[in-house]
């Protein structure tokens, strides 16, 4: 029996419009990370034992677009994978105030 592994694979990248930012929380502080652009990803299936791609002609690939930021090693990564990721801000959108930040910190603490 073939065990199928599904994963998201980046198939394209588009630079972002200036002003998009990712907000990350750490120790009650907000860290702002510039969004470099958008990753276009497709969900692909692989055979676990061989790593070979499995094509399913009856299923169209699922696609998603995710914000990309630059990691410490200069590679592009999904913004939501950055430690403490909270949310995205669009160009012109204001950074949340301390009351909203504190509410999010409390919400996260209650989920531990």
Protein backbone atom coordinates (compact mmCIF):
# COMPACT_ATOMS: atom_id res chain seq x y z
CA UNK A 1 0.00 0.00 0.00
CA UNK A 2 1.30 3.44 -0.94
CA UNK A 3 1.22 6.03 1.83
CA UNK A 4 0.46 9.44 0.34
CA UNK A 5 1.99 12.60 1.77
CA UNK A 6 0.45 15.96 0.89
CA UNK A 7 2.44 19.18 1.03
CA UNK A 8 2.27 22.72 -0.26
CA UNK A 9 4.84 23.48 -2.96
CA UNK A 10 5.68 26.99 -4.10
CA UNK A 11 5.18 27.28 -7.85
CA UNK A 12 5.48 31.06 -8.29
CA UNK A 13 6.33 34.29 -6.50
CA UNK A 14 5.03 37.80 -7.08
CA UNK A 15 6.57 40.84 -5.43
CA UNK A 16 4.33 42.60 -2.99
CA UNK A 17 2.87 46.06 -3.17
CA UNK A 18 4.78 48.38 -0.80
CA UNK A 19 3.25 48.71 2.66
CA UNK A 20 2.21 45.11 3.42
CA UNK A 21 3.55 44.01 6.80
CA UNK A 22 3.40 40.97 9.06
CA UNK A 23 3.00 41.52 12.79
CA UNK A 24 4.68 39.13 15.20
CA UNK A 25 4.31 39.08 18.97
CA UNK A 26 7.06 38.27 21.41
CA UNK A 27 7.31 39.14 25.10
CA UNK A 28 4.41 41.56 24.74
CA UNK A 29 6.12 43.50 21.98
CA UNK A 30 5.04 43.83 18.38
CA UNK A 31 7.68 43.11 15.76
CA UNK A 32 6.93 44.40 12.26
CA UNK A 33 8.25 42.37 9.32
CA UNK A 34 8.02 43.67 5.76
CA UNK A 35 6.12 41.37 3.39
CA UNK A 36 8.38 40.69 0.41
CA UNK A 37 5.58 39.36 -1.76
CA UNK A 38 3.18 36.52 -2.33
CA UNK A 39 3.90 32.82 -2.78
CA UNK A 40 1.61 30.89 -5.11
CA UNK A 41 1.46 27.33 -3.84
CA UNK A 42 -0.14 24.09 -5.00
CA UNK A 43 -0.93 21.11 -2.82
CA UNK A 44 0.90 18.09 -4.22
CA UNK A 45 0.85 14.42 -3.31
CA UNK A 46 3.94 12.26 -2.95
CA UNK A 47 4.54 8.60 -2.23
CA UNK A 48 6.10 8.50 1.23
CA UNK A 49 8.41 5.61 0.41
CA UNK A 50 9.84 6.96 -2.86
CA UNK A 51 9.21 10.71 -2.78
CA UNK A 52 7.74 10.49 -6.27
CA UNK A 53 4.86 12.76 -7.13
CA UNK A 54 1.47 11.10 -7.44
CA UNK A 55 -0.83 12.59 -10.06
CA UNK A 56 -4.59 12.31 -9.64
CA UNK A 57 -6.30 13.08 -12.96
CA UNK A 58 -9.68 13.32 -11.23
CA UNK A 59 -8.61 16.13 -8.90
CA UNK A 60 -7.54 19.63 -9.75
CA UNK A 61 -4.70 20.90 -7.59
CA UNK A 62 -5.66 23.04 -4.63
CA UNK A 63 -3.98 26.42 -4.76
CA UNK A 64 -3.34 29.11 -2.21
CA UNK A 65 -1.60 32.46 -2.04
CA UNK A 66 0.34 33.26 1.13
CA UNK A 67 2.36 36.24 2.29
CA UNK A 68 6.10 35.74 2.12
CA UNK A 69 8.75 37.34 4.32
CA UNK A 70 12.52 37.09 4.26
CA UNK A 71 13.99 34.70 6.84
CA UNK A 72 17.32 35.23 8.62
CA UNK A 73 19.10 33.25 5.89
CA UNK A 74 17.53 35.46 3.16
CA UNK A 75 15.19 32.67 2.00
CA UNK A 76 11.52 33.46 1.45
CA UNK A 77 9.21 31.74 3.93
CA UNK A 78 5.48 31.81 4.61
CA UNK A 79 4.76 34.69 6.98
CA UNK A 80 2.58 32.48 9.18
CA UNK A 81 5.58 30.24 9.94
CA UNK A 82 7.55 33.07 11.58
CA UNK A 83 7.70 32.71 15.35
CA UNK A 84 4.99 34.76 17.03
CA UNK A 85 3.11 35.54 13.79
CA UNK A 86 -0.11 37.36 14.58
CA UNK A 87 -1.58 38.98 11.50
CA UNK A 88 -1.02 40.90 8.27
CA UNK A 89 -1.47 44.62 7.82
CA UNK A 90 -2.42 46.11 4.47
CA UNK A 91 -0.80 49.28 3.14
CA UNK A 92 -2.05 52.24 5.19
CA UNK A 93 -3.51 50.04 7.96
CA UNK A 94 -2.42 51.20 11.41
CA UNK A 95 -0.50 49.01 13.83
CA UNK A 96 -2.86 47.88 16.62
CA UNK A 97 -2.68 49.77 19.88
CA UNK A 98 -1.53 48.39 23.21
CA UNK A 99 -5.06 47.34 24.26
CA UNK A 100 -5.46 45.10 21.20
CA UNK A 101 -1.91 43.74 21.56
CA UNK A 102 -2.49 42.94 25.23
CA UNK A 103 -5.79 41.22 24.41
CA UNK A 104 -4.02 39.02 21.86
CA UNK A 105 -1.24 38.20 24.33
CA UNK A 106 -3.89 37.15 26.91
CA UNK A 107 -5.78 35.10 24.31
CA UNK A 108 -2.60 33.23 23.38
CA UNK A 109 -1.72 32.63 27.03
CA UNK A 110 -5.18 31.16 27.66
CA UNK A 111 -4.63 28.60 24.89
CA UNK A 112 -1.47 27.09 26.39
